[in-house]
Structures are given as structure tokens and as C-alpha cells.
């Protein structure tokens, strides 16, 4: 089993902190249950640079930082574990497409790279909000009944809306960044120099 390098761990920590900072910025909140932002972008960058394992760790660190600074809403230990440990970690599923993204970037196929990044962002977003949906059904049923809906329908609407618009916002931001600086997904000087030589 391949070990995670020190560089990868340092970057996972730095990008988790960046995600926390972005999450503290004002977000789009059409209702108290919906919060739309691009705070996941740093974790997606880690995912495409280092792959799923390092991105899982970065997402987990982000969740831990949320709790550490008191920016959380926890009603039970299990709900907190699901929403801040598991859900945040699962953003890392975007890293499944890291090899494909790196290959397309090295070949200079920018359009295909952007499409693959979009699929990866969607995968990570779905993976995260699946767990928020589960937590919503189990732990926030009273809000659903107050709104005249079943817990499944209420959680699906709230978390589905948040997921869709956060996915779109993150996709726009990360695609712009990667279009301008595709070398960001490279993890060593040799890869960067190869990318630049092919681009020229």
C-alpha cells in the first residue's frame, strides 16, 4: 500500500485550512437549511493533485477544524460524526478521477480535462451530500414535519438544492483556476516542466 508523502500531508492540512476560511465567508442562504458556497474547492484541488486517500484526510481535517473553532451544529454525537467526519471526508471521492485529470493535463487536452474535473466535482459533491441527506432524515425529522413534509422529502430538497448549487459554483471556480493554471494538479517539478514543454 502506497504511503502518503510528507508533502501531501502538509498540503492536505493547508488546503483544509483554506476550505475553512472560505466556509467562514458569507455564503448564499436562501433558507436557514440551505447554504451555498465554493468552500469545497481546496479539497477538490487536493483530490486532483494527490488522489482519493489524501483528499479524504484533507476533508476530515476540514471537518475537525469546523468543530475546533465552534462553527458546527451538532444535536447528537452520531449526527456530528456523520456530518463533520464522514461527509467532509467523502468529498475526497473526486480523487478517483485524479489519474485521468493528470493524464489529460499532461497531454494538453484542456477541454477533456475540464469535463473530467466537472465529473470529479460532481462525484465528490454527491458523496458528501449523501451523508448530509442521511443525517437530515434521521436527526432533523421535526423540521420536516413542521414544514408539512416527510423527513426523506424535506432532507432531499434541502440537501439536494445545496448540493446542486454548491457543485455548480465549485465547478465554475475550479474550472477557471485549472484552465489558467493546469500545473496546479502536478505534484513534482518534473511533471510541471513536462507540462510546460508540451504546452510550448
N, C-alpha and C. Protein backbone atom coordinates (compact mmCIF):
# COMPACT_ATOMS: atom_id res chain seq x y z
N UNK A 1 0.85 -1.20 0.00
CA UNK A 1 0.00 0.00 0.00
C UNK A 1 0.89 1.25 0.00
N UNK A 2 0.65 2.14 -0.94
CA UNK A 2 1.47 3.33 -1.07
C UNK A 2 1.23 4.29 0.09
N UNK A 3 2.34 4.72 0.71
CA UNK A 3 2.23 5.67 1.83
C UNK A 3 2.03 7.09 1.31
N UNK A 4 1.36 7.90 2.15
CA UNK A 4 1.15 9.30 1.81
C UNK A 4 2.42 10.07 2.15
N UNK A 5 2.91 10.86 1.22
CA UNK A 5 4.16 11.60 1.43
C UNK A 5 3.95 12.75 2.40
N UNK A 6 5.06 13.23 2.93
CA UNK A 6 5.01 14.38 3.84
C UNK A 6 4.46 15.60 3.13
N UNK A 7 4.86 15.80 1.87
CA UNK A 7 4.36 16.94 1.09
C UNK A 7 2.85 16.87 0.95
N UNK A 8 2.34 15.68 0.68
CA UNK A 8 0.89 15.50 0.53
C UNK A 8 0.16 15.82 1.83
N UNK A 9 0.72 15.37 2.96
CA UNK A 9 0.09 15.63 4.26
C UNK A 9 0.09 17.12 4.59
N UNK A 10 1.20 17.78 4.28
CA UNK A 10 1.29 19.23 4.54
C UNK A 10 0.25 19.96 3.69
N UNK A 11 0.16 19.60 2.41
CA UNK A 11 -0.81 20.25 1.53
C UNK A 11 -2.24 19.95 1.98
N UNK A 12 -2.49 18.71 2.41
CA UNK A 12 -3.83 18.36 2.89
C UNK A 12 -4.24 19.26 4.05
N UNK A 13 -3.30 19.55 4.94
CA UNK A 13 -3.58 20.41 6.09
C UNK A 13 -3.80 21.86 5.66
N UNK A 14 -2.93 22.34 4.77
CA UNK A 14 -3.04 23.74 4.32
C UNK A 14 -4.35 23.97 3.57
N UNK A 15 -4.70 23.05 2.69
CA UNK A 15 -5.92 23.23 1.90
C UNK A 15 -7.18 23.03 2.76
N UNK A 16 -7.08 22.21 3.80
CA UNK A 16 -8.20 22.09 4.74
C UNK A 16 -8.44 23.42 5.44
N UNK A 17 -7.34 24.08 5.83
CA UNK A 17 -7.45 25.40 6.46
C UNK A 17 -8.03 26.43 5.49
N UNK A 18 -7.63 26.34 4.22
CA UNK A 18 -8.18 27.24 3.21
C UNK A 18 -9.68 27.02 3.04
N UNK A 19 -10.10 25.76 3.06
CA UNK A 19 -11.53 25.45 2.95
C UNK A 19 -12.30 26.04 4.12
N UNK A 20 -11.69 25.96 5.30
CA UNK A 20 -12.33 26.53 6.49
C UNK A 20 -12.51 28.04 6.35
N UNK A 21 -11.47 28.72 5.88
CA UNK A 21 -11.53 30.16 5.68
C UNK A 21 -12.62 30.53 4.68
N UNK A 22 -12.66 29.82 3.57
CA UNK A 22 -13.69 30.07 2.55
C UNK A 22 -15.09 29.82 3.11
N UNK A 23 -15.20 28.82 3.98
CA UNK A 23 -16.51 28.48 4.55
C UNK A 23 -16.98 29.56 5.54
N UNK A 24 -16.03 30.30 6.09
CA UNK A 24 -16.38 31.37 7.03
C UNK A 24 -16.84 32.64 6.33
N UNK A 25 -16.56 32.72 5.03
CA UNK A 25 -17.02 33.87 4.26
C UNK A 25 -18.53 33.82 4.10
N UNK A 26 -19.19 34.95 3.90
CA UNK A 26 -20.64 34.93 3.69
C UNK A 26 -21.03 34.02 2.53
N UNK A 27 -22.02 33.18 2.76
CA UNK A 27 -22.48 32.27 1.72
C UNK A 27 -23.89 32.65 1.29
N UNK A 28 -24.36 32.00 0.23
CA UNK A 28 -25.73 32.24 -0.26
C UNK A 28 -26.67 31.38 0.56
N UNK A 29 -27.60 32.02 1.28
CA UNK A 29 -28.51 31.29 2.17
C UNK A 29 -29.96 31.70 1.89
N UNK A 30 -30.58 31.04 0.89
CA UNK A 30 -31.99 31.36 0.61
C UNK A 30 -32.92 30.96 1.75
N UNK A 31 -32.52 29.90 2.51
CA UNK A 31 -33.26 29.49 3.70
C UNK A 31 -32.23 29.09 4.76
N UNK A 32 -32.63 29.01 6.04
CA UNK A 32 -31.68 28.61 7.08
C UNK A 32 -31.09 27.22 6.86
N UNK A 33 -31.81 26.36 6.11
CA UNK A 33 -31.34 24.98 5.90
C UNK A 33 -30.48 24.82 4.65
N UNK A 34 -30.34 25.88 3.87
CA UNK A 34 -29.57 25.81 2.62
C UNK A 34 -28.44 26.83 2.66
N UNK A 35 -27.22 26.36 2.45
CA UNK A 35 -26.04 27.24 2.43
C UNK A 35 -25.18 26.87 1.23
N UNK A 36 -25.04 27.82 0.32
CA UNK A 36 -24.33 27.57 -0.94
C UNK A 36 -23.02 28.34 -0.96
N UNK A 37 -21.90 27.62 -1.15
CA UNK A 37 -20.60 28.27 -1.21
C UNK A 37 -19.64 27.44 -2.07
N UNK A 38 -18.43 27.97 -2.27
CA UNK A 38 -17.42 27.24 -3.04
C UNK A 38 -16.29 26.77 -2.12
N UNK A 39 -16.61 26.55 -0.84
CA UNK A 39 -15.59 26.19 0.15
C UNK A 39 -14.95 24.82 -0.12
N UNK A 40 -15.60 23.96 -0.89
CA UNK A 40 -15.04 22.64 -1.18
C UNK A 40 -13.90 22.68 -2.18
N UNK A 41 -13.72 23.80 -2.87
CA UNK A 41 -12.70 23.90 -3.94
C UNK A 41 -11.30 23.46 -3.49
N UNK A 42 -10.80 23.91 -2.33
CA UNK A 42 -9.46 23.46 -1.92
C UNK A 42 -9.34 21.95 -1.78
N UNK A 43 -10.40 21.29 -1.29
CA UNK A 43 -10.37 19.83 -1.13
C UNK A 43 -10.36 19.17 -2.50
N UNK A 44 -11.08 19.75 -3.45
CA UNK A 44 -11.08 19.19 -4.81
C UNK A 44 -9.69 19.33 -5.45
N UNK A 45 -9.00 20.43 -5.17
CA UNK A 45 -7.65 20.60 -5.70
C UNK A 45 -6.73 19.52 -5.14
N UNK A 46 -6.84 19.27 -3.83
CA UNK A 46 -6.07 18.18 -3.22
C UNK A 46 -6.40 16.85 -3.89
N UNK A 47 -7.69 16.62 -4.14
CA UNK A 47 -8.14 15.36 -4.75
C UNK A 47 -7.50 15.15 -6.12
N UNK A 48 -7.46 16.21 -6.94
CA UNK A 48 -6.91 16.08 -8.29
C UNK A 48 -5.39 16.08 -8.29
N UNK A 49 -4.78 16.65 -7.26
CA UNK A 49 -3.32 16.63 -7.14
C UNK A 49 -2.81 15.29 -6.61
N UNK A 50 -3.46 14.80 -5.54
CA UNK A 50 -2.90 13.68 -4.78
C UNK A 50 -3.76 12.42 -4.79
N UNK A 51 -5.01 12.52 -5.22
CA UNK A 51 -5.86 11.34 -5.23
C UNK A 51 -6.77 11.23 -4.03
N UNK A 52 -7.50 10.14 -4.00
CA UNK A 52 -8.61 9.98 -3.06
C UNK A 52 -8.16 9.91 -1.60
N UNK A 53 -7.06 9.21 -1.31
CA UNK A 53 -6.66 9.00 0.08
C UNK A 53 -6.27 10.31 0.76
N UNK A 54 -5.44 11.10 0.11
CA UNK A 54 -5.02 12.38 0.69
C UNK A 54 -6.20 13.35 0.79
N UNK A 55 -7.09 13.32 -0.22
CA UNK A 55 -8.26 14.19 -0.19
C UNK A 55 -9.22 13.81 0.93
N UNK A 56 -9.32 12.50 1.23
CA UNK A 56 -10.14 12.06 2.36
C UNK A 56 -9.60 12.68 3.65
N UNK A 57 -8.29 12.65 3.81
CA UNK A 57 -7.67 13.20 5.01
C UNK A 57 -7.89 14.71 5.09
N UNK A 58 -7.75 15.40 3.95
CA UNK A 58 -7.95 16.85 3.92
C UNK A 58 -9.38 17.20 4.28
N UNK A 59 -10.34 16.46 3.74
CA UNK A 59 -11.74 16.69 4.07
C UNK A 59 -12.03 16.45 5.54
N UNK A 60 -11.43 15.39 6.08
CA UNK A 60 -11.60 15.09 7.51
C UNK A 60 -11.02 16.21 8.38
N UNK A 61 -9.85 16.71 8.00
CA UNK A 61 -9.24 17.82 8.75
C UNK A 61 -10.12 19.06 8.71
N UNK A 62 -10.75 19.31 7.57
CA UNK A 62 -11.66 20.45 7.46
C UNK A 62 -12.81 20.29 8.46
N UNK A 63 -13.39 19.09 8.49
CA UNK A 63 -14.47 18.84 9.43
C UNK A 63 -14.05 19.02 10.88
N UNK A 64 -12.84 18.55 11.20
CA UNK A 64 -12.31 18.71 12.55
C UNK A 64 -12.10 20.19 12.89
N UNK A 65 -11.61 20.95 11.92
CA UNK A 65 -11.40 22.39 12.14
C UNK A 65 -12.71 23.11 12.38
N UNK A 66 -13.77 22.70 11.66
CA UNK A 66 -15.09 23.30 11.88
C UNK A 66 -15.52 23.15 13.34
N UNK A 67 -15.28 21.96 13.86
CA UNK A 67 -15.66 21.69 15.26
C UNK A 67 -14.74 22.45 16.21
N UNK A 68 -13.45 22.48 15.88
CA UNK A 68 -12.46 23.12 16.76
C UNK A 68 -12.74 24.60 16.97
N UNK A 69 -13.24 25.29 15.94
CA UNK A 69 -13.49 26.72 16.08
C UNK A 69 -14.94 27.01 16.49
N UNK A 70 -15.72 25.94 16.66
CA UNK A 70 -17.11 26.13 17.11
C UNK A 70 -18.10 26.43 16.01
N UNK A 71 -17.69 26.24 14.75
CA UNK A 71 -18.59 26.50 13.62
C UNK A 71 -19.29 25.20 13.22
N UNK A 72 -20.21 24.75 14.06
CA UNK A 72 -20.88 23.47 13.81
C UNK A 72 -22.28 23.50 14.40
N UNK A 73 -23.08 22.51 14.00
CA UNK A 73 -24.41 22.33 14.58
C UNK A 73 -24.57 20.84 14.83
N UNK A 74 -24.41 20.44 16.08
CA UNK A 74 -24.45 19.03 16.43
C UNK A 74 -25.54 18.80 17.47
N UNK A 75 -26.43 17.85 17.17
CA UNK A 75 -27.51 17.52 18.11
C UNK A 75 -27.23 16.21 18.85
N UNK A 76 -26.48 15.30 18.22
CA UNK A 76 -26.07 14.05 18.87
C UNK A 76 -24.65 13.72 18.39
N UNK A 77 -23.89 12.94 19.15
CA UNK A 77 -22.55 12.56 18.71
C UNK A 77 -22.55 11.84 17.36
N UNK A 78 -23.54 10.97 17.13
CA UNK A 78 -23.59 10.23 15.86
C UNK A 78 -23.85 11.16 14.69
N UNK A 79 -24.76 12.11 14.88
CA UNK A 79 -25.04 13.09 13.82
C UNK A 79 -23.80 13.92 13.53
N UNK A 80 -23.09 14.33 14.58
CA UNK A 80 -21.87 15.09 14.39
C UNK A 80 -20.82 14.29 13.65
N UNK A 81 -20.68 13.02 13.99
CA UNK A 81 -19.71 12.14 13.33
C UNK A 81 -20.03 12.00 11.85
N UNK A 82 -21.32 11.80 11.54
CA UNK A 82 -21.73 11.63 10.14
C UNK A 82 -21.49 12.91 9.34
N UNK A 83 -21.91 14.04 9.89
CA UNK A 83 -21.89 15.28 9.11
C UNK A 83 -20.54 15.99 9.06
N UNK A 84 -19.71 15.79 10.07
CA UNK A 84 -18.44 16.52 10.08
C UNK A 84 -17.21 15.62 9.85
N UNK A 85 -17.33 14.34 10.09
CA UNK A 85 -16.22 13.44 9.83
C UNK A 85 -16.43 12.68 8.50
N UNK A 86 -17.54 11.96 8.41
CA UNK A 86 -17.77 11.14 7.22
C UNK A 86 -18.07 12.00 6.00
N UNK A 87 -19.06 12.89 6.10
CA UNK A 87 -19.48 13.69 4.94
C UNK A 87 -18.33 14.51 4.37
N UNK A 88 -17.60 15.21 5.22
CA UNK A 88 -16.49 16.04 4.75
C UNK A 88 -15.38 15.19 4.12
N UNK A 89 -15.14 14.01 4.70
CA UNK A 89 -14.11 13.13 4.14
C UNK A 89 -14.49 12.65 2.74
N UNK A 90 -15.77 12.40 2.54
CA UNK A 90 -16.22 11.81 1.28
C UNK A 90 -16.12 12.77 0.09
N UNK A 91 -15.83 14.05 0.34
CA UNK A 91 -15.53 14.95 -0.77
C UNK A 91 -14.35 14.39 -1.56
N UNK A 92 -13.49 13.68 -0.85
CA UNK A 92 -12.29 13.10 -1.46
C UNK A 92 -12.55 12.11 -2.57
N UNK A 93 -13.79 11.64 -2.72
CA UNK A 93 -14.10 10.71 -3.81
C UNK A 93 -13.81 11.31 -5.18
N UNK A 94 -13.74 12.63 -5.25
CA UNK A 94 -13.36 13.28 -6.51
C UNK A 94 -11.99 12.79 -6.97
N UNK A 95 -11.17 12.38 -6.01
CA UNK A 95 -9.82 11.91 -6.32
C UNK A 95 -9.76 10.64 -7.13
N UNK A 96 -10.88 9.95 -7.28
CA UNK A 96 -10.91 8.76 -8.14
C UNK A 96 -10.54 9.10 -9.58
N UNK A 97 -10.80 10.34 -9.97
CA UNK A 97 -10.52 10.76 -11.34
C UNK A 97 -9.19 11.49 -11.47
N UNK A 98 -8.41 11.53 -10.40
CA UNK A 98 -7.12 12.23 -10.44
C UNK A 98 -6.19 11.70 -11.54
N UNK A 99 -6.04 10.38 -11.71
CA UNK A 99 -5.15 9.89 -12.78
C UNK A 99 -5.58 10.36 -14.16
N UNK A 100 -6.89 10.34 -14.41
CA UNK A 100 -7.40 10.77 -15.72
C UNK A 100 -7.18 12.26 -15.93
N UNK A 101 -7.41 13.06 -14.89
CA UNK A 101 -7.22 14.50 -14.99
C UNK A 101 -5.76 14.83 -15.27
N UNK A 102 -4.85 14.17 -14.55
CA UNK A 102 -3.42 14.42 -14.74
C UNK A 102 -2.97 14.02 -16.15
N UNK A 103 -3.48 12.91 -16.62
CA UNK A 103 -3.10 12.43 -17.96
C UNK A 103 -3.56 13.41 -19.03
N UNK A 104 -4.79 13.88 -18.92
CA UNK A 104 -5.32 14.82 -19.90
C UNK A 104 -4.58 16.16 -19.84
N UNK A 105 -4.22 16.58 -18.63
CA UNK A 105 -3.47 17.83 -18.47
C UNK A 105 -2.10 17.73 -19.10
N UNK A 106 -1.42 16.59 -18.90
CA UNK A 106 -0.09 16.40 -19.47
C UNK A 106 -0.12 16.32 -20.98
N UNK A 107 -1.26 15.86 -21.54
CA UNK A 107 -1.41 15.75 -22.99
C UNK A 107 -1.93 17.05 -23.61
N UNK A 108 -2.23 18.03 -22.76
CA UNK A 108 -2.71 19.31 -23.27
C UNK A 108 -4.15 19.30 -23.75
N UNK A 109 -4.92 18.30 -23.32
CA UNK A 109 -6.33 18.19 -23.74
C UNK A 109 -7.20 18.92 -22.73
N UNK A 110 -7.20 20.23 -22.84
CA UNK A 110 -7.83 21.08 -21.82
C UNK A 110 -9.34 20.86 -21.72
N UNK A 111 -10.03 20.74 -22.85
CA UNK A 111 -11.48 20.58 -22.84
C UNK A 111 -11.88 19.28 -22.14
N UNK A 112 -11.19 18.19 -22.48
CA UNK A 112 -11.48 16.91 -21.84
C UNK A 112 -11.10 16.93 -20.37
N UNK A 113 -10.04 17.65 -20.04
CA UNK A 113 -9.63 17.78 -18.64
C UNK A 113 -10.71 18.48 -17.84
N UNK A 114 -11.28 19.55 -18.39
CA UNK A 114 -12.34 20.30 -17.71
C UNK A 114 -13.57 19.42 -17.52
N UNK A 115 -13.92 18.65 -18.54
CA UNK A 115 -15.08 17.73 -18.43
C UNK A 115 -14.85 16.70 -17.33
N UNK A 116 -13.64 16.16 -17.27
CA UNK A 116 -13.32 15.15 -16.26
C UNK A 116 -13.31 15.76 -14.87
N UNK A 117 -12.78 16.97 -14.74
CA UNK A 117 -12.81 17.68 -13.46
C UNK A 117 -14.25 17.89 -13.01
N UNK A 118 -15.11 18.28 -13.94
CA UNK A 118 -16.53 18.50 -13.62
C UNK A 118 -17.17 17.24 -13.08
N UNK A 119 -16.88 16.10 -13.72
CA UNK A 119 -17.42 14.82 -13.25
C UNK A 119 -16.89 14.51 -11.85
N UNK A 120 -15.60 14.78 -11.64
CA UNK A 120 -15.00 14.55 -10.33
C UNK A 120 -15.62 15.41 -9.25
N UNK A 121 -15.86 16.68 -9.55
CA UNK A 121 -16.50 17.58 -8.58
C UNK A 121 -17.91 17.10 -8.27
N UNK A 122 -18.63 16.63 -9.29
CA UNK A 122 -19.97 16.09 -9.08
C UNK A 122 -19.92 14.86 -8.19
N UNK A 123 -18.96 13.98 -8.44
CA UNK A 123 -18.81 12.76 -7.64
C UNK A 123 -18.55 13.10 -6.18
N UNK A 124 -17.62 14.03 -5.95
CA UNK A 124 -17.31 14.43 -4.57
C UNK A 124 -18.48 15.11 -3.88
N UNK A 125 -19.21 15.92 -4.63
CA UNK A 125 -20.37 16.63 -4.07
C UNK A 125 -21.48 15.64 -3.70
N UNK A 126 -21.76 14.70 -4.60
CA UNK A 126 -22.78 13.69 -4.33
C UNK A 126 -22.40 12.85 -3.11
N UNK A 127 -21.12 12.48 -3.04
CA UNK A 127 -20.66 11.65 -1.92
C UNK A 127 -20.83 12.37 -0.59
N UNK A 128 -20.50 13.66 -0.57
CA UNK A 128 -20.64 14.43 0.67
C UNK A 128 -22.11 14.59 1.06
N UNK A 129 -22.93 15.05 0.14
CA UNK A 129 -24.30 15.40 0.50
C UNK A 129 -25.21 14.19 0.66
N UNK A 130 -24.75 13.03 0.21
CA UNK A 130 -25.48 11.79 0.52
C UNK A 130 -25.55 11.61 2.03
N UNK A 131 -24.42 11.86 2.71
CA UNK A 131 -24.38 11.70 4.16
C UNK A 131 -25.14 12.80 4.88
N UNK A 132 -25.11 14.02 4.35
CA UNK A 132 -25.94 15.08 4.94
C UNK A 132 -27.42 14.74 4.79
N UNK A 133 -27.76 14.13 3.66
CA UNK A 133 -29.15 13.69 3.43
C UNK A 133 -29.55 12.64 4.46
N UNK A 134 -28.70 11.65 4.66
CA UNK A 134 -28.99 10.59 5.64
C UNK A 134 -29.15 11.19 7.04
N UNK A 135 -28.25 12.08 7.41
CA UNK A 135 -28.33 12.73 8.72
C UNK A 135 -29.61 13.54 8.85
N UNK A 136 -30.00 14.21 7.77
CA UNK A 136 -31.22 15.01 7.79
C UNK A 136 -32.46 14.17 8.03
N UNK A 137 -32.50 13.01 7.38
CA UNK A 137 -33.65 12.11 7.54
C UNK A 137 -33.74 11.59 8.97
N UNK A 138 -32.60 11.22 9.53
CA UNK A 138 -32.58 10.59 10.85
C UNK A 138 -32.72 11.59 11.99
N UNK A 139 -32.01 12.71 11.91
CA UNK A 139 -31.87 13.59 13.07
C UNK A 139 -32.67 14.90 13.00
N UNK A 140 -33.19 15.24 11.83
CA UNK A 140 -33.89 16.53 11.72
C UNK A 140 -35.32 16.36 11.22
N UNK A 141 -35.92 15.24 11.59
CA UNK A 141 -37.29 14.94 11.14
C UNK A 141 -38.29 15.98 11.62
N UNK A 142 -38.07 16.56 12.80
CA UNK A 142 -39.05 17.50 13.36
C UNK A 142 -39.21 18.73 12.46
N UNK A 143 -38.11 19.15 11.80
CA UNK A 143 -38.20 20.30 10.89
C UNK A 143 -39.01 19.94 9.65
N UNK A 144 -38.91 18.70 9.24
CA UNK A 144 -39.69 18.24 8.09
C UNK A 144 -41.19 18.26 8.40
N UNK A 145 -41.55 17.75 9.57
CA UNK A 145 -42.96 17.73 9.95
C UNK A 145 -43.50 19.15 10.12
N UNK A 146 -42.65 20.04 10.65
CA UNK A 146 -43.07 21.44 10.79
C UNK A 146 -43.33 22.09 9.43
N UNK A 147 -42.59 21.63 8.41
CA UNK A 147 -42.77 22.16 7.06
C UNK A 147 -43.84 21.40 6.27
N UNK A 148 -44.46 20.41 6.93
CA UNK A 148 -45.52 19.64 6.28
C UNK A 148 -45.01 18.63 5.26
N UNK A 149 -43.78 18.15 5.45
CA UNK A 149 -43.18 17.18 4.53
C UNK A 149 -42.65 15.98 5.31
N UNK A 150 -42.41 14.89 4.60
CA UNK A 150 -41.79 13.74 5.24
C UNK A 150 -40.29 14.03 5.39
N UNK A 151 -39.63 13.38 6.34
CA UNK A 151 -38.18 13.61 6.51
C UNK A 151 -37.37 13.34 5.25
N UNK A 152 -37.74 12.32 4.49
CA UNK A 152 -36.99 11.99 3.27
C UNK A 152 -37.13 13.09 2.24
N UNK A 153 -38.35 13.56 2.02
CA UNK A 153 -38.59 14.61 1.03
C UNK A 153 -37.92 15.91 1.46
N UNK A 154 -38.08 16.26 2.73
CA UNK A 154 -37.50 17.51 3.25
C UNK A 154 -35.98 17.51 3.13
N UNK A 155 -35.35 16.42 3.57
CA UNK A 155 -33.89 16.34 3.52
C UNK A 155 -33.39 16.30 2.08
N UNK A 156 -34.14 15.64 1.22
CA UNK A 156 -33.75 15.57 -0.20
C UNK A 156 -33.79 16.96 -0.84
N UNK A 157 -34.84 17.72 -0.54
CA UNK A 157 -34.97 19.06 -1.12
C UNK A 157 -33.87 19.98 -0.60
N UNK A 158 -33.67 20.00 0.71
CA UNK A 158 -32.70 20.91 1.31
C UNK A 158 -31.26 20.55 0.92
N UNK A 159 -30.90 19.29 1.11
CA UNK A 159 -29.54 18.89 0.79
C UNK A 159 -29.31 18.78 -0.71
N UNK A 160 -30.36 18.40 -1.45
CA UNK A 160 -30.23 18.34 -2.91
C UNK A 160 -30.02 19.72 -3.51
N UNK A 161 -30.76 20.69 -3.03
CA UNK A 161 -30.60 22.07 -3.52
C UNK A 161 -29.22 22.61 -3.19
N UNK A 162 -28.78 22.39 -1.94
CA UNK A 162 -27.45 22.83 -1.54
C UNK A 162 -26.38 22.18 -2.39
N UNK A 163 -26.50 20.87 -2.60
CA UNK A 163 -25.52 20.12 -3.38
C UNK A 163 -25.43 20.62 -4.81
N UNK A 164 -26.57 20.80 -5.47
CA UNK A 164 -26.59 21.20 -6.88
C UNK A 164 -25.92 22.56 -7.07
N UNK A 165 -26.31 23.53 -6.26
CA UNK A 165 -25.77 24.88 -6.46
C UNK A 165 -24.33 25.01 -5.97
N UNK A 166 -23.97 24.27 -4.92
CA UNK A 166 -22.57 24.27 -4.48
C UNK A 166 -21.70 23.58 -5.53
N UNK A 167 -22.21 22.51 -6.11
CA UNK A 167 -21.49 21.81 -7.19
C UNK A 167 -21.25 22.74 -8.37
N UNK A 168 -22.28 23.46 -8.78
CA UNK A 168 -22.15 24.38 -9.91
C UNK A 168 -21.14 25.49 -9.60
N UNK A 169 -21.23 26.05 -8.41
CA UNK A 169 -20.32 27.13 -8.02
C UNK A 169 -18.88 26.63 -7.94
N UNK A 170 -18.69 25.47 -7.31
CA UNK A 170 -17.34 24.90 -7.21
C UNK A 170 -16.78 24.55 -8.58
N UNK A 171 -17.64 24.03 -9.46
CA UNK A 171 -17.20 23.66 -10.81
C UNK A 171 -16.72 24.88 -11.57
N UNK A 172 -17.48 25.96 -11.50
CA UNK A 172 -17.10 27.19 -12.20
C UNK A 172 -15.75 27.69 -11.70
N UNK A 173 -15.59 27.75 -10.37
CA UNK A 173 -14.35 28.27 -9.79
C UNK A 173 -13.16 27.39 -10.14
N UNK A 174 -13.29 26.09 -9.92
CA UNK A 174 -12.14 25.21 -10.12
C UNK A 174 -11.79 25.05 -11.60
N UNK A 175 -12.79 25.11 -12.48
CA UNK A 175 -12.51 25.03 -13.92
C UNK A 175 -11.78 26.28 -14.41
N UNK A 176 -12.15 27.43 -13.88
CA UNK A 176 -11.44 28.68 -14.22
C UNK A 176 -9.99 28.60 -13.75
N UNK A 177 -9.82 28.15 -12.50
CA UNK A 177 -8.48 28.04 -11.92
C UNK A 177 -7.63 27.06 -12.71
N UNK A 178 -8.19 25.89 -13.02
CA UNK A 178 -7.42 24.87 -13.73
C UNK A 178 -7.17 25.23 -15.18
N UNK A 179 -8.05 26.01 -15.77
CA UNK A 179 -7.82 26.47 -17.15
C UNK A 179 -6.65 27.43 -17.21
N UNK A 180 -6.55 28.28 -16.19
CA UNK A 180 -5.48 29.26 -16.14
C UNK A 180 -4.16 28.63 -15.68
N UNK A 181 -4.26 27.76 -14.66
CA UNK A 181 -3.05 27.15 -14.07
C UNK A 181 -3.21 25.63 -13.98
N UNK A 182 -3.21 24.92 -15.11
CA UNK A 182 -3.35 23.46 -15.06
C UNK A 182 -2.22 22.76 -14.32
N UNK A 183 -1.07 23.44 -14.19
CA UNK A 183 0.06 22.84 -13.48
C UNK A 183 -0.22 22.67 -11.98
N UNK A 184 -1.33 23.24 -11.49
CA UNK A 184 -1.68 23.08 -10.09
C UNK A 184 -1.91 21.62 -9.70
N UNK A 185 -2.28 20.80 -10.66
CA UNK A 185 -2.52 19.39 -10.34
C UNK A 185 -1.25 18.57 -10.38
N UNK A 186 -0.14 19.19 -10.79
CA UNK A 186 1.14 18.49 -10.80
C UNK A 186 1.73 18.49 -9.40
N UNK A 187 2.37 17.38 -9.02
CA UNK A 187 2.87 17.25 -7.66
C UNK A 187 4.39 17.21 -7.56
N UNK A 188 5.11 17.39 -8.68
CA UNK A 188 6.56 17.48 -8.60
C UNK A 188 7.08 18.33 -9.75
N UNK A 189 8.31 18.79 -9.64
CA UNK A 189 8.89 19.71 -10.62
C UNK A 189 9.01 19.08 -11.99
N UNK A 190 9.27 17.77 -12.02
CA UNK A 190 9.42 17.08 -13.31
C UNK A 190 8.12 17.11 -14.09
N UNK A 191 7.01 16.84 -13.40
CA UNK A 191 5.70 16.87 -14.07
C UNK A 191 5.38 18.27 -14.58
N UNK A 192 5.72 19.30 -13.78
CA UNK A 192 5.43 20.67 -14.19
C UNK A 192 6.23 21.05 -15.42
N UNK A 193 7.52 20.68 -15.44
CA UNK A 193 8.36 21.00 -16.59
C UNK A 193 7.90 20.27 -17.83
N UNK A 194 7.43 19.03 -17.66
CA UNK A 194 6.91 18.28 -18.81
C UNK A 194 5.66 18.95 -19.36
N UNK A 195 4.78 19.41 -18.46
CA UNK A 195 3.55 20.08 -18.88
C UNK A 195 3.87 21.36 -19.65
N UNK A 196 4.85 22.14 -19.15
CA UNK A 196 5.21 23.41 -19.79
C UNK A 196 5.84 23.16 -21.16
N UNK A 197 6.65 22.12 -21.27
CA UNK A 197 7.30 21.84 -22.55
C UNK A 197 6.28 21.41 -23.59
N UNK A 198 5.27 20.65 -23.15
CA UNK A 198 4.24 20.22 -24.10
C UNK A 198 3.36 21.39 -24.50
N UNK A 199 3.10 22.30 -23.53
CA UNK A 199 2.26 23.47 -23.84
C UNK A 199 2.95 24.39 -24.83
N UNK A 200 4.31 24.47 -24.74
CA UNK A 200 5.04 25.35 -25.63
C UNK A 200 5.30 24.68 -26.98
